[in-house]
Amino acid sequence: MKKDQVFEFFRRLAEDNPSPETELLYGNAFQLVVAVALSAQATDVGVNKATRALFAKVKTPQQMLALGEDGLRDHIKTIGLFNSKARNVIALSQLLVDEFGGEVPATREELVRLPGVGRKTANVVLNCWFGQETFAVDTHIFRVGNRTGLAKGKNPDQVEAKLEMAVPQPFRLGAHHWLILHGRYVCKARTPECWRCKVADLCAFKPKSEAPKK
């Protein structure tokens, strides 16, 4: 995809959704870290259902430690891999208390030290809470990047590097949200809904799918 096409790609997505946001619900940086860590191999809808009651009572790492692993597990048992996720959330809460005064750090290097927090999770936190221009490559962004020709890569790190180079201002801050939402609701994994895609004419994917017949 050429530079002018990339600009037009994001211009149209931005026109359609001027203020894109994560669909995860959270009230502060700590809750965001927890929500994103829980969202691995789970849907945002499922995570939000599990964290609604949890976040009503737990707003800090200290409160999470007081709840304990068993208490946390009871809240998140509807989410996949809840046992290992509960262990990680308690461990990351302990590290935040021990080394960061209970505050969520604002650098990728520090964030990825937290148990259960990889590069993607760190990028989400940096973007959504700290307003940094990061690209959190999940399964949707990986698919959209490769399928459209916007950012081709064999793994998430390669796609992220391509996006770093390709995405222009003023779209860098919101880019990963637009791509996730586009992949989730339009450029779907099995059958992309090309007939209602705002950027279909810019996309390298062929053949374009047609609207289902009624």
N, C-alpha and C. Protein backbone atom coordinates (compact mmCIF):
# COMPACT_ATOMS: atom_id res chain seq x y z
N MET A 1 0.85 -1.19 0.00
CA MET A 1 0.00 0.00 0.00
C MET A 1 0.89 1.25 0.00
N LYS A 2 0.63 2.15 -0.94
CA LYS A 2 1.44 3.36 -1.06
C LYS A 2 1.09 4.38 0.03
N LYS A 3 1.98 5.36 0.21
CA LYS A 3 1.81 6.34 1.28
C LYS A 3 0.47 7.06 1.20
N ASP A 4 0.09 7.49 0.00
CA ASP A 4 -1.18 8.22 -0.13
C ASP A 4 -2.37 7.30 0.15
N GLN A 5 -2.22 6.02 -0.16
CA GLN A 5 -3.29 5.07 0.12
C GLN A 5 -3.40 4.81 1.62
N VAL A 6 -2.27 4.72 2.30
CA VAL A 6 -2.27 4.53 3.76
C VAL A 6 -2.95 5.71 4.44
N PHE A 7 -2.63 6.92 3.99
CA PHE A 7 -3.25 8.11 4.57
C PHE A 7 -4.76 8.06 4.36
N GLU A 8 -5.18 7.73 3.15
CA GLU A 8 -6.61 7.67 2.84
C GLU A 8 -7.29 6.56 3.63
N PHE A 9 -6.61 5.44 3.80
CA PHE A 9 -7.12 4.30 4.59
C PHE A 9 -7.53 4.77 5.98
N PHE A 10 -6.61 5.43 6.66
CA PHE A 10 -6.90 5.88 8.03
C PHE A 10 -7.83 7.09 8.05
N ARG A 11 -7.75 7.92 7.03
CA ARG A 11 -8.66 9.07 6.98
C ARG A 11 -10.11 8.61 6.97
N ARG A 12 -10.39 7.58 6.21
CA ARG A 12 -11.76 7.07 6.13
C ARG A 12 -12.20 6.40 7.43
N LEU A 13 -11.30 5.62 8.03
CA LEU A 13 -11.64 4.99 9.31
C LEU A 13 -11.88 6.05 10.38
N ALA A 14 -11.07 7.10 10.35
CA ALA A 14 -11.22 8.18 11.33
C ALA A 14 -12.51 8.96 11.10
N GLU A 15 -12.86 9.15 9.85
CA GLU A 15 -14.11 9.86 9.53
C GLU A 15 -15.31 9.07 10.04
N ASP A 16 -15.22 7.75 9.92
CA ASP A 16 -16.31 6.89 10.35
C ASP A 16 -16.39 6.78 11.87
N ASN A 17 -15.24 6.89 12.56
CA ASN A 17 -15.20 6.77 14.02
C ASN A 17 -14.12 7.72 14.54
N PRO A 18 -14.48 9.00 14.77
CA PRO A 18 -13.49 10.03 15.11
C PRO A 18 -12.76 9.81 16.43
N SER A 19 -13.38 9.12 17.39
CA SER A 19 -12.77 8.95 18.71
C SER A 19 -12.77 7.49 19.12
N PRO A 20 -11.91 6.69 18.51
CA PRO A 20 -11.91 5.25 18.82
C PRO A 20 -11.32 4.97 20.19
N GLU A 21 -11.88 3.99 20.88
CA GLU A 21 -11.40 3.63 22.21
C GLU A 21 -11.42 2.11 22.36
N THR A 22 -10.65 1.63 23.33
CA THR A 22 -10.73 0.21 23.65
C THR A 22 -12.11 -0.11 24.19
N GLU A 23 -12.57 -1.33 23.95
CA GLU A 23 -13.87 -1.74 24.46
C GLU A 23 -13.78 -2.36 25.85
N LEU A 24 -12.56 -2.48 26.37
CA LEU A 24 -12.39 -2.93 27.75
C LEU A 24 -12.80 -1.81 28.70
N LEU A 25 -13.45 -2.17 29.79
CA LEU A 25 -13.89 -1.19 30.79
C LEU A 25 -12.88 -1.15 31.94
N TYR A 26 -12.52 0.07 32.34
CA TYR A 26 -11.56 0.24 33.44
C TYR A 26 -11.69 1.65 33.99
N GLY A 27 -11.20 1.85 35.21
CA GLY A 27 -11.31 3.15 35.84
C GLY A 27 -9.98 3.84 36.07
N ASN A 28 -8.90 3.07 36.05
CA ASN A 28 -7.57 3.66 36.25
C ASN A 28 -6.52 2.78 35.57
N ALA A 29 -5.27 3.17 35.68
CA ALA A 29 -4.20 2.46 34.98
C ALA A 29 -4.04 1.03 35.47
N PHE A 30 -4.19 0.82 36.77
CA PHE A 30 -4.05 -0.54 37.29
C PHE A 30 -5.16 -1.45 36.76
N GLN A 31 -6.37 -0.96 36.78
CA GLN A 31 -7.47 -1.76 36.26
C GLN A 31 -7.29 -2.04 34.77
N LEU A 32 -6.72 -1.10 34.04
CA LEU A 32 -6.46 -1.33 32.61
C LEU A 32 -5.44 -2.45 32.42
N VAL A 33 -4.35 -2.42 33.20
CA VAL A 33 -3.34 -3.49 33.12
C VAL A 33 -4.00 -4.84 33.37
N VAL A 34 -4.81 -4.91 34.42
CA VAL A 34 -5.48 -6.17 34.77
C VAL A 34 -6.41 -6.61 33.65
N ALA A 35 -7.22 -5.69 33.14
CA ALA A 35 -8.19 -6.04 32.09
C ALA A 35 -7.50 -6.56 30.83
N VAL A 36 -6.42 -5.89 30.43
CA VAL A 36 -5.71 -6.32 29.22
C VAL A 36 -5.04 -7.67 29.45
N ALA A 37 -4.47 -7.86 30.63
CA ALA A 37 -3.85 -9.15 30.94
C ALA A 37 -4.88 -10.28 30.92
N LEU A 38 -6.07 -9.99 31.38
CA LEU A 38 -7.14 -11.00 31.38
C LEU A 38 -7.70 -11.26 29.99
N SER A 39 -7.51 -10.33 29.08
CA SER A 39 -8.15 -10.42 27.77
C SER A 39 -7.45 -11.37 26.80
N ALA A 40 -6.27 -11.88 27.17
CA ALA A 40 -5.57 -12.82 26.29
C ALA A 40 -6.43 -14.06 26.07
N GLN A 41 -6.66 -14.39 24.81
CA GLN A 41 -7.50 -15.53 24.43
C GLN A 41 -8.90 -15.46 25.04
N ALA A 42 -9.40 -14.23 25.17
CA ALA A 42 -10.75 -14.01 25.68
C ALA A 42 -11.31 -12.78 24.98
N THR A 43 -12.62 -12.65 24.98
CA THR A 43 -13.23 -11.47 24.34
C THR A 43 -13.33 -10.33 25.34
N ASP A 44 -13.35 -9.11 24.81
CA ASP A 44 -13.53 -7.95 25.68
C ASP A 44 -14.86 -8.02 26.42
N VAL A 45 -15.89 -8.50 25.74
CA VAL A 45 -17.21 -8.62 26.37
C VAL A 45 -17.14 -9.56 27.57
N GLY A 46 -16.46 -10.69 27.39
CA GLY A 46 -16.32 -11.65 28.48
C GLY A 46 -15.51 -11.09 29.64
N VAL A 47 -14.45 -10.37 29.33
CA VAL A 47 -13.63 -9.76 30.38
C VAL A 47 -14.43 -8.71 31.14
N ASN A 48 -15.17 -7.88 30.42
CA ASN A 48 -15.97 -6.84 31.07
C ASN A 48 -17.00 -7.42 32.03
N LYS A 49 -17.61 -8.53 31.64
CA LYS A 49 -18.58 -9.18 32.53
C LYS A 49 -17.92 -9.64 33.81
N ALA A 50 -16.70 -10.17 33.68
CA ALA A 50 -15.99 -10.70 34.85
C ALA A 50 -15.44 -9.59 35.74
N THR A 51 -15.03 -8.48 35.14
CA THR A 51 -14.38 -7.42 35.93
C THR A 51 -15.36 -6.40 36.50
N ARG A 52 -16.60 -6.44 36.07
CA ARG A 52 -17.55 -5.42 36.56
C ARG A 52 -17.63 -5.43 38.08
N ALA A 53 -17.87 -6.60 38.66
CA ALA A 53 -17.96 -6.69 40.11
C ALA A 53 -16.57 -6.59 40.75
N LEU A 54 -15.56 -7.15 40.06
CA LEU A 54 -14.19 -7.09 40.59
C LEU A 54 -13.71 -5.66 40.75
N PHE A 55 -13.88 -4.86 39.71
CA PHE A 55 -13.37 -3.49 39.74
C PHE A 55 -14.20 -2.57 40.64
N ALA A 56 -15.38 -3.00 41.01
CA ALA A 56 -16.18 -2.22 41.97
C ALA A 56 -15.53 -2.24 43.35
N LYS A 57 -14.80 -3.31 43.63
CA LYS A 57 -14.17 -3.42 44.95
C LYS A 57 -12.65 -3.33 44.92
N VAL A 58 -12.05 -3.57 43.74
CA VAL A 58 -10.59 -3.58 43.64
C VAL A 58 -10.13 -2.48 42.67
N LYS A 59 -9.46 -1.47 43.22
CA LYS A 59 -8.99 -0.35 42.40
C LYS A 59 -7.49 -0.15 42.47
N THR A 60 -6.82 -0.87 43.35
CA THR A 60 -5.38 -0.70 43.54
C THR A 60 -4.71 -2.07 43.66
N PRO A 61 -3.40 -2.12 43.45
CA PRO A 61 -2.68 -3.38 43.66
C PRO A 61 -2.81 -3.89 45.09
N GLN A 62 -2.81 -2.96 46.03
CA GLN A 62 -2.94 -3.34 47.44
C GLN A 62 -4.28 -4.04 47.69
N GLN A 63 -5.34 -3.51 47.12
CA GLN A 63 -6.66 -4.13 47.28
C GLN A 63 -6.73 -5.49 46.59
N MET A 64 -6.01 -5.64 45.48
CA MET A 64 -5.97 -6.92 44.78
C MET A 64 -5.26 -7.97 45.64
N LEU A 65 -4.17 -7.55 46.28
CA LEU A 65 -3.45 -8.48 47.16
C LEU A 65 -4.31 -8.87 48.36
N ALA A 66 -5.09 -7.92 48.86
CA ALA A 66 -5.98 -8.22 49.98
C ALA A 66 -7.08 -9.20 49.56
N LEU A 67 -7.54 -9.08 48.32
CA LEU A 67 -8.55 -10.01 47.81
C LEU A 67 -7.98 -11.42 47.73
N GLY A 68 -6.72 -11.51 47.28
CA GLY A 68 -6.04 -12.80 47.21
C GLY A 68 -6.35 -13.59 45.94
N GLU A 69 -5.52 -14.59 45.71
CA GLU A 69 -5.66 -15.37 44.47
C GLU A 69 -6.99 -16.12 44.40
N ASP A 70 -7.42 -16.70 45.53
CA ASP A 70 -8.68 -17.44 45.53
C ASP A 70 -9.86 -16.51 45.27
N GLY A 71 -9.83 -15.35 45.90
CA GLY A 71 -10.91 -14.39 45.70
C GLY A 71 -10.96 -13.88 44.27
N LEU A 72 -9.78 -13.63 43.71
CA LEU A 72 -9.72 -13.18 42.32
C LEU A 72 -10.22 -14.27 41.38
N ARG A 73 -9.82 -15.50 41.65
CA ARG A 73 -10.22 -16.61 40.80
C ARG A 73 -11.75 -16.73 40.75
N ASP A 74 -12.40 -16.49 41.86
CA ASP A 74 -13.87 -16.55 41.89
C ASP A 74 -14.50 -15.52 40.95
N HIS A 75 -13.84 -14.37 40.83
CA HIS A 75 -14.37 -13.31 39.96
C HIS A 75 -14.16 -13.60 38.48
N ILE A 76 -13.06 -14.27 38.16
CA ILE A 76 -12.68 -14.39 36.74
C ILE A 76 -12.79 -15.82 36.21
N LYS A 77 -13.50 -16.70 36.92
CA LYS A 77 -13.55 -18.11 36.52
C LYS A 77 -14.30 -18.34 35.21
N THR A 78 -15.01 -17.33 34.72
CA THR A 78 -15.70 -17.47 33.43
C THR A 78 -14.75 -17.18 32.25
N ILE A 79 -13.54 -16.72 32.55
CA ILE A 79 -12.56 -16.37 31.50
C ILE A 79 -11.60 -17.54 31.29
N GLY A 80 -11.21 -17.77 30.06
CA GLY A 80 -10.26 -18.83 29.75
C GLY A 80 -8.93 -18.63 30.46
N LEU A 81 -8.29 -19.72 30.85
CA LEU A 81 -6.99 -19.70 31.51
C LEU A 81 -7.02 -18.92 32.83
N PHE A 82 -8.16 -18.97 33.52
CA PHE A 82 -8.33 -18.10 34.70
C PHE A 82 -7.37 -18.44 35.83
N ASN A 83 -6.96 -19.70 35.95
CA ASN A 83 -6.03 -20.05 37.03
C ASN A 83 -4.68 -19.36 36.87
N SER A 84 -4.10 -19.48 35.66
CA SER A 84 -2.79 -18.85 35.43
C SER A 84 -2.92 -17.33 35.43
N LYS A 85 -4.03 -16.82 34.94
CA LYS A 85 -4.23 -15.37 34.93
C LYS A 85 -4.36 -14.83 36.35
N ALA A 86 -5.03 -15.57 37.22
CA ALA A 86 -5.15 -15.13 38.62
C ALA A 86 -3.77 -15.08 39.27
N ARG A 87 -2.95 -16.09 39.02
CA ARG A 87 -1.59 -16.10 39.58
C ARG A 87 -0.80 -14.89 39.08
N ASN A 88 -0.90 -14.62 37.79
CA ASN A 88 -0.15 -13.50 37.21
C ASN A 88 -0.61 -12.16 37.76
N VAL A 89 -1.92 -11.97 37.89
CA VAL A 89 -2.44 -10.69 38.38
C VAL A 89 -2.00 -10.45 39.83
N ILE A 90 -2.03 -11.49 40.65
CA ILE A 90 -1.55 -11.33 42.03
C ILE A 90 -0.05 -11.03 42.03
N ALA A 91 0.71 -11.72 41.18
CA ALA A 91 2.16 -11.50 41.12
C ALA A 91 2.49 -10.11 40.60
N LEU A 92 1.77 -9.63 39.58
CA LEU A 92 2.06 -8.29 39.06
C LEU A 92 1.65 -7.23 40.07
N SER A 93 0.60 -7.50 40.82
CA SER A 93 0.18 -6.57 41.88
C SER A 93 1.26 -6.46 42.95
N GLN A 94 1.85 -7.60 43.32
CA GLN A 94 2.92 -7.61 44.32
C GLN A 94 4.13 -6.83 43.82
N LEU A 95 4.48 -7.03 42.55
CA LEU A 95 5.63 -6.32 41.99
C LEU A 95 5.38 -4.82 41.93
N LEU A 96 4.15 -4.42 41.59
CA LEU A 96 3.82 -2.99 41.56
C LEU A 96 3.97 -2.37 42.94
N VAL A 97 3.54 -3.11 43.97
CA VAL A 97 3.66 -2.60 45.34
C VAL A 97 5.13 -2.56 45.77
N ASP A 98 5.86 -3.63 45.48
CA ASP A 98 7.24 -3.75 45.96
C ASP A 98 8.21 -2.79 45.27
N GLU A 99 8.03 -2.60 43.97
CA GLU A 99 9.04 -1.86 43.21
C GLU A 99 8.57 -0.54 42.61
N PHE A 100 7.26 -0.32 42.56
CA PHE A 100 6.77 0.89 41.91
C PHE A 100 5.82 1.71 42.78
N GLY A 101 5.82 1.43 44.07
CA GLY A 101 4.98 2.20 44.99
C GLY A 101 3.50 2.08 44.70
N GLY A 102 3.11 0.97 44.07
CA GLY A 102 1.70 0.75 43.75
C GLY A 102 1.23 1.46 42.50
N GLU A 103 2.14 2.14 41.82
CA GLU A 103 1.79 2.88 40.60
C GLU A 103 2.19 2.10 39.35
N VAL A 104 1.42 2.24 38.30
CA VAL A 104 1.73 1.58 37.03
C VAL A 104 2.80 2.39 36.31
N PRO A 105 3.93 1.75 35.94
CA PRO A 105 5.00 2.49 35.26
C PRO A 105 4.61 2.90 33.85
N ALA A 106 5.31 3.90 33.35
CA ALA A 106 4.95 4.49 32.05
C ALA A 106 5.93 4.15 30.94
N THR A 107 6.74 3.10 31.12
CA THR A 107 7.65 2.70 30.05
C THR A 107 7.40 1.24 29.70
N ARG A 108 7.65 0.90 28.45
CA ARG A 108 7.45 -0.49 28.00
C ARG A 108 8.41 -1.42 28.73
N GLU A 109 9.64 -0.98 28.92
CA GLU A 109 10.64 -1.81 29.58
C GLU A 109 10.21 -2.22 30.98
N GLU A 110 9.60 -1.29 31.70
CA GLU A 110 9.14 -1.60 33.06
C GLU A 110 7.85 -2.42 33.04
N LEU A 111 6.96 -2.11 32.13
CA LEU A 111 5.68 -2.82 32.06
C LEU A 111 5.87 -4.30 31.75
N VAL A 112 6.77 -4.63 30.83
CA VAL A 112 6.92 -6.04 30.45
C VAL A 112 7.61 -6.86 31.54
N ARG A 113 8.09 -6.21 32.58
CA ARG A 113 8.62 -6.95 33.73
C ARG A 113 7.49 -7.53 34.58
N LEU A 114 6.29 -7.00 34.42
CA LEU A 114 5.16 -7.47 35.21
C LEU A 114 4.71 -8.85 34.72
N PRO A 115 4.49 -9.80 35.62
CA PRO A 115 4.04 -11.14 35.22
C PRO A 115 2.75 -11.08 34.40
N GLY A 116 2.73 -11.78 33.28
CA GLY A 116 1.55 -11.82 32.43
C GLY A 116 1.42 -10.64 31.50
N VAL A 117 2.39 -9.72 31.52
CA VAL A 117 2.35 -8.54 30.66
C VAL A 117 3.43 -8.66 29.59
N GLY A 118 2.99 -8.87 28.37
CA GLY A 118 3.91 -8.91 27.25
C GLY A 118 3.93 -7.59 26.51
N ARG A 119 4.57 -7.58 25.37
CA ARG A 119 4.72 -6.35 24.60
C ARG A 119 3.36 -5.78 24.17
N LYS A 120 2.45 -6.67 23.75
CA LYS A 120 1.14 -6.19 23.30
C LYS A 120 0.39 -5.51 24.43
N THR A 121 0.35 -6.16 25.59
CA THR A 121 -0.34 -5.57 26.75
C THR A 121 0.30 -4.24 27.13
N ALA A 122 1.62 -4.21 27.15
CA ALA A 122 2.32 -2.96 27.48
C ALA A 122 1.95 -1.86 26.49
N ASN A 123 1.89 -2.19 25.21
CA ASN A 123 1.55 -1.18 24.20
C ASN A 123 0.13 -0.65 24.38
N VAL A 124 -0.79 -1.53 24.76
CA VAL A 124 -2.17 -1.07 25.02
C VAL A 124 -2.19 -0.07 26.16
N VAL A 125 -1.50 -0.40 27.25
CA VAL A 125 -1.48 0.49 28.42
C VAL A 125 -0.82 1.82 28.07
N LEU A 126 0.29 1.77 27.36
CA LEU A 126 0.99 3.00 26.98
C LEU A 126 0.11 3.88 26.09
N ASN A 127 -0.65 3.25 25.21
CA ASN A 127 -1.50 4.01 24.30
C ASN A 127 -2.75 4.54 25.00
N CYS A 128 -3.46 3.65 25.67
CA CYS A 128 -4.77 4.01 26.23
C CYS A 128 -4.67 4.90 27.47
N TRP A 129 -3.65 4.68 28.30
CA TRP A 129 -3.56 5.45 29.55
C TRP A 129 -2.56 6.59 29.46
N PHE A 130 -1.42 6.33 28.84
CA PHE A 130 -0.35 7.32 28.83
C PHE A 130 -0.30 8.13 27.53
N GLY A 131 -1.17 7.82 26.59
CA GLY A 131 -1.26 8.61 25.35
C GLY A 131 -0.06 8.50 24.45
N GLN A 132 0.61 7.36 24.46
CA GLN A 132 1.77 7.17 23.60
C GLN A 132 1.35 6.52 22.27
N GLU A 133 2.08 6.83 21.23
CA GLU A 133 1.76 6.32 19.89
C GLU A 133 2.35 4.92 19.72
N THR A 134 1.62 3.93 20.23
CA THR A 134 2.07 2.54 20.14
C THR A 134 1.08 1.73 19.33
N PHE A 135 1.53 0.57 18.86
CA PHE A 135 0.71 -0.30 18.02
C PHE A 135 0.67 -1.68 18.65
N ALA A 136 -0.43 -1.99 19.31
CA ALA A 136 -0.58 -3.26 20.02
C ALA A 136 -1.15 -4.29 19.05
N VAL A 137 -0.29 -5.13 18.52
CA VAL A 137 -0.71 -6.06 17.47
C VAL A 137 -1.33 -7.32 18.07
N ASP A 138 -2.66 -7.36 18.01
CA ASP A 138 -3.38 -8.57 18.42
C ASP A 138 -3.75 -9.36 17.17
N THR A 139 -4.58 -10.36 17.32
CA THR A 139 -4.95 -11.20 16.18
C THR A 139 -5.68 -10.41 15.10
N HIS A 140 -6.47 -9.42 15.49
CA HIS A 140 -7.20 -8.61 14.51
C HIS A 140 -6.26 -7.73 13.69
N ILE A 141 -5.35 -7.05 14.37
CA ILE A 141 -4.42 -6.17 13.66
C ILE A 141 -3.47 -6.99 12.79
N PHE A 142 -3.05 -8.14 13.29
CA PHE A 142 -2.18 -9.01 12.49
C PHE A 142 -2.89 -9.41 11.19
N ARG A 143 -4.15 -9.79 11.30
CA ARG A 143 -4.93 -10.19 10.12
C ARG A 143 -5.16 -9.02 9.17
N VAL A 144 -5.61 -7.90 9.70
CA VAL A 144 -5.91 -6.74 8.85
C VAL A 144 -4.64 -6.22 8.18
N GLY A 145 -3.54 -6.17 8.92
CA GLY A 145 -2.29 -5.70 8.36
C GLY A 145 -1.84 -6.53 7.18
N ASN A 146 -1.95 -7.86 7.33
CA ASN A 146 -1.52 -8.76 6.26
C ASN A 146 -2.53 -8.83 5.12
N ARG A 147 -3.81 -8.91 5.46
CA ARG A 147 -4.83 -9.08 4.43
C ARG A 147 -4.95 -7.87 3.52
N THR A 148 -4.90 -6.69 4.10
CA THR A 148 -5.07 -5.46 3.31
C THR A 148 -3.81 -5.07 2.57
N GLY A 149 -2.64 -5.53 3.06
CA GLY A 149 -1.38 -5.07 2.51
C GLY A 149 -0.83 -3.86 3.22
N LEU A 150 -1.54 -3.40 4.25
CA LEU A 150 -1.10 -2.23 5.01
C LEU A 150 0.22 -2.48 5.73
N ALA A 151 0.34 -3.63 6.37
CA ALA A 151 1.56 -3.96 7.13
C ALA A 151 1.71 -5.47 7.16
N LYS A 152 2.44 -6.00 6.21
CA LYS A 152 2.61 -7.44 6.12
C LYS A 152 3.77 -7.90 7.00
N GLY A 153 3.56 -9.04 7.66
CA GLY A 153 4.61 -9.60 8.49
C GLY A 153 4.29 -11.02 8.88
N LYS A 154 5.32 -11.79 9.20
CA LYS A 154 5.12 -13.19 9.57
C LYS A 154 4.80 -13.36 11.05
N ASN A 155 5.01 -12.32 11.82
CA ASN A 155 4.69 -12.37 13.24
C ASN A 155 4.30 -10.97 13.72
N PRO A 156 3.72 -10.87 14.93
CA PRO A 156 3.27 -9.57 15.42
C PRO A 156 4.35 -8.50 15.47
N ASP A 157 5.58 -8.88 15.81
CA ASP A 157 6.66 -7.90 15.88
C ASP A 157 6.94 -7.28 14.51
N GLN A 158 6.89 -8.09 13.47
CA GLN A 158 7.12 -7.57 12.12
C GLN A 158 6.00 -6.63 11.69
N VAL A 159 4.75 -7.01 12.01
CA VAL A 159 3.62 -6.15 11.67
C VAL A 159 3.71 -4.83 12.44
N GLU A 160 4.08 -4.90 13.72
CA GLU A 160 4.23 -3.68 14.52
C GLU A 160 5.29 -2.76 13.92
N ALA A 161 6.41 -3.34 13.50
CA ALA A 161 7.49 -2.54 12.91
C ALA A 161 7.03 -1.88 11.61
N LYS A 162 6.26 -2.60 10.82
CA LYS A 162 5.74 -2.03 9.57
C LYS A 162 4.77 -0.88 9.85
N LEU A 163 3.92 -1.06 10.85
CA LEU A 163 2.97 0.00 11.22
C LEU A 163 3.72 1.23 11.73
N GLU A 164 4.77 1.00 12.51
CA GLU A 164 5.59 2.11 13.01
C GLU A 164 6.08 2.97 11.87
N MET A 165 6.47 2.33 10.79
CA MET A 165 7.01 3.06 9.64
C MET A 165 5.92 3.65 8.75
N ALA A 166 4.77 2.97 8.67
CA ALA A 166 3.77 3.33 7.67
C ALA A 166 2.71 4.32 8.12
N VAL A 167 2.31 4.26 9.40
CA VAL A 167 1.16 5.07 9.83
C VAL A 167 1.56 6.53 9.99
N PRO A 168 0.88 7.43 9.27
CA PRO A 168 1.22 8.85 9.34
C PRO A 168 0.44 9.59 10.42
N GLN A 169 0.89 10.77 10.75
CA GLN A 169 0.09 11.68 11.55
C GLN A 169 -1.05 12.20 10.66
N PRO A 170 -2.21 12.52 11.22
CA PRO A 170 -2.54 12.57 12.66
C PRO A 170 -3.19 11.29 13.17
N PHE A 171 -2.87 10.16 12.57
CA PHE A 171 -3.59 8.92 12.87
C PHE A 171 -2.85 7.96 13.80
N ARG A 172 -1.64 8.29 14.20
CA ARG A 172 -0.81 7.33 14.92
C ARG A 172 -1.39 6.95 16.29
N LEU A 173 -1.96 7.90 17.00
CA LEU A 173 -2.47 7.62 18.34
C LEU A 173 -3.67 6.68 18.30
N GLY A 174 -4.53 6.86 17.33
CA GLY A 174 -5.76 6.05 17.27
C GLY A 174 -5.67 4.84 16.36
N ALA A 175 -4.54 4.67 15.67
CA ALA A 175 -4.44 3.64 14.62
C ALA A 175 -4.76 2.25 15.12
N HIS A 176 -4.21 1.87 16.27
CA HIS A 176 -4.42 0.48 16.69
C HIS A 176 -5.87 0.22 17.06
N HIS A 177 -6.59 1.25 17.56
CA HIS A 177 -8.01 1.09 17.84
C HIS A 177 -8.81 0.91 16.55
N TRP A 178 -8.52 1.75 15.56
CA TRP A 178 -9.25 1.63 14.29
C TRP A 178 -9.03 0.26 13.68
N LEU A 179 -7.82 -0.24 13.72
CA LEU A 179 -7.51 -1.53 13.11
C LEU A 179 -8.17 -2.68 13.87
N ILE A 180 -8.15 -2.63 15.20
CA ILE A 180 -8.81 -3.67 16.00
C ILE A 180 -10.30 -3.70 15.72
N LEU A 181 -10.93 -2.54 15.77
CA LEU A 181 -12.38 -2.47 15.56
C LEU A 181 -12.75 -2.89 14.14
N HIS A 182 -11.92 -2.51 13.18
CA HIS A 182 -12.17 -2.89 11.79
C HIS A 182 -12.08 -4.40 11.64
N GLY A 183 -11.08 -5.00 12.27
CA GLY A 183 -10.92 -6.44 12.20
C GLY A 183 -12.01 -7.19 12.95
N ARG A 184 -12.46 -6.62 14.03
CA ARG A 184 -13.47 -7.28 14.87
C ARG A 184 -14.85 -7.27 14.22
N TYR A 185 -15.19 -6.16 13.56
CA TYR A 185 -16.56 -6.00 13.09
C TYR A 185 -16.74 -6.01 11.57
N VAL A 186 -15.69 -5.78 10.81
CA VAL A 186 -15.82 -5.73 9.35
C VAL A 186 -14.89 -6.73 8.67
N CYS A 187 -13.60 -6.60 8.90
CA CYS A 187 -12.61 -7.47 8.25
C CYS A 187 -12.44 -8.74 9.08
N LYS A 188 -13.52 -9.50 9.18
CA LYS A 188 -13.58 -10.65 10.08
C LYS A 188 -12.71 -11.80 9.57
N ALA A 189 -12.36 -12.70 10.48
CA ALA A 189 -11.41 -13.76 10.17
C ALA A 189 -11.90 -14.68 9.05
N ARG A 190 -13.07 -15.24 9.20
CA ARG A 190 -13.54 -16.23 8.22
C ARG A 190 -14.01 -15.58 6.93
N THR A 191 -14.89 -14.61 7.07
CA THR A 191 -15.44 -13.95 5.87
C THR A 191 -15.44 -12.44 6.08
N PRO A 192 -14.47 -11.74 5.51
CA PRO A 192 -14.48 -10.27 5.64
C PRO A 192 -15.70 -9.69 4.93
N GLU A 193 -16.33 -8.72 5.57
CA GLU A 193 -17.56 -8.15 5.00
C GLU A 193 -17.20 -6.97 4.09
N CYS A 194 -16.59 -7.33 2.97
CA CYS A 194 -16.06 -6.32 2.04
C CYS A 194 -17.15 -5.41 1.49
N TRP A 195 -18.37 -5.91 1.40
CA TRP A 195 -19.45 -5.12 0.81
C TRP A 195 -19.81 -3.90 1.64
N ARG A 196 -19.40 -3.89 2.91
CA ARG A 196 -19.69 -2.70 3.74
C ARG A 196 -18.41 -2.07 4.29
N CYS A 197 -17.29 -2.39 3.67
CA CYS A 197 -16.00 -1.88 4.12
C CYS A 197 -15.72 -0.51 3.52
N LYS A 198 -15.29 0.41 4.38
CA LYS A 198 -15.02 1.79 3.94
C LYS A 198 -13.74 1.89 3.12
N VAL A 199 -12.88 0.88 3.21
CA VAL A 199 -11.57 0.97 2.56
C VAL A 199 -11.33 -0.19 1.57
N ALA A 200 -12.41 -0.80 1.11
CA ALA A 200 -12.30 -1.98 0.26
C ALA A 200 -11.50 -1.72 -1.02
N ASP A 201 -11.65 -0.53 -1.58
CA ASP A 201 -10.96 -0.22 -2.84
C ASP A 201 -9.45 -0.01 -2.64
N LEU A 202 -9.03 0.16 -1.40
CA LEU A 202 -7.60 0.36 -1.09
C LEU A 202 -6.93 -0.96 -0.68
N CYS A 203 -7.72 -1.98 -0.52
CA CYS A 203 -7.27 -3.24 0.07
C CYS A 203 -6.78 -4.22 -0.98
N ALA A 204 -5.72 -4.95 -0.64
CA ALA A 204 -5.11 -5.90 -1.57
C ALA A 204 -5.81 -7.25 -1.60
N PHE A 205 -6.75 -7.46 -0.68
CA PHE A 205 -7.40 -8.77 -0.58
C PHE A 205 -8.30 -9.05 -1.78
N LYS A 206 -8.09 -10.23 -2.37
CA LYS A 206 -8.93 -10.66 -3.49
C LYS A 206 -9.19 -12.16 -3.31
N PRO A 207 -10.39 -12.66 -3.65
CA PRO A 207 -11.50 -11.86 -4.17
C PRO A 207 -12.28 -11.18 -3.04
N LYS A 208 -12.87 -10.07 -3.32
CA LYS A 208 -13.70 -9.39 -2.34
C LYS A 208 -14.98 -10.19 -2.12
N SER A 209 -15.39 -10.29 -0.88
CA SER A 209 -16.61 -11.01 -0.59
C SER A 209 -17.83 -10.12 -0.89
N GLU A 210 -18.92 -10.75 -1.22
CA GLU A 210 -20.16 -10.04 -1.55
C GLU A 210 -21.17 -10.21 -0.43
N ALA A 211 -22.13 -9.31 -0.40
CA ALA A 211 -23.17 -9.37 0.62
C ALA A 211 -23.97 -10.66 0.46
N PRO A 212 -24.31 -11.30 1.57
CA PRO A 212 -25.11 -12.52 1.47
C PRO A 212 -26.49 -12.23 0.89
N LYS A 213 -26.97 -13.13 0.08
CA LYS A 213 -28.29 -12.95 -0.53
C LYS A 213 -29.38 -13.24 0.48
N LYS A 214 -30.40 -12.39 0.42
CA LYS A 214 -31.51 -12.54 1.38
C LYS A 214 -32.54 -13.52 0.81
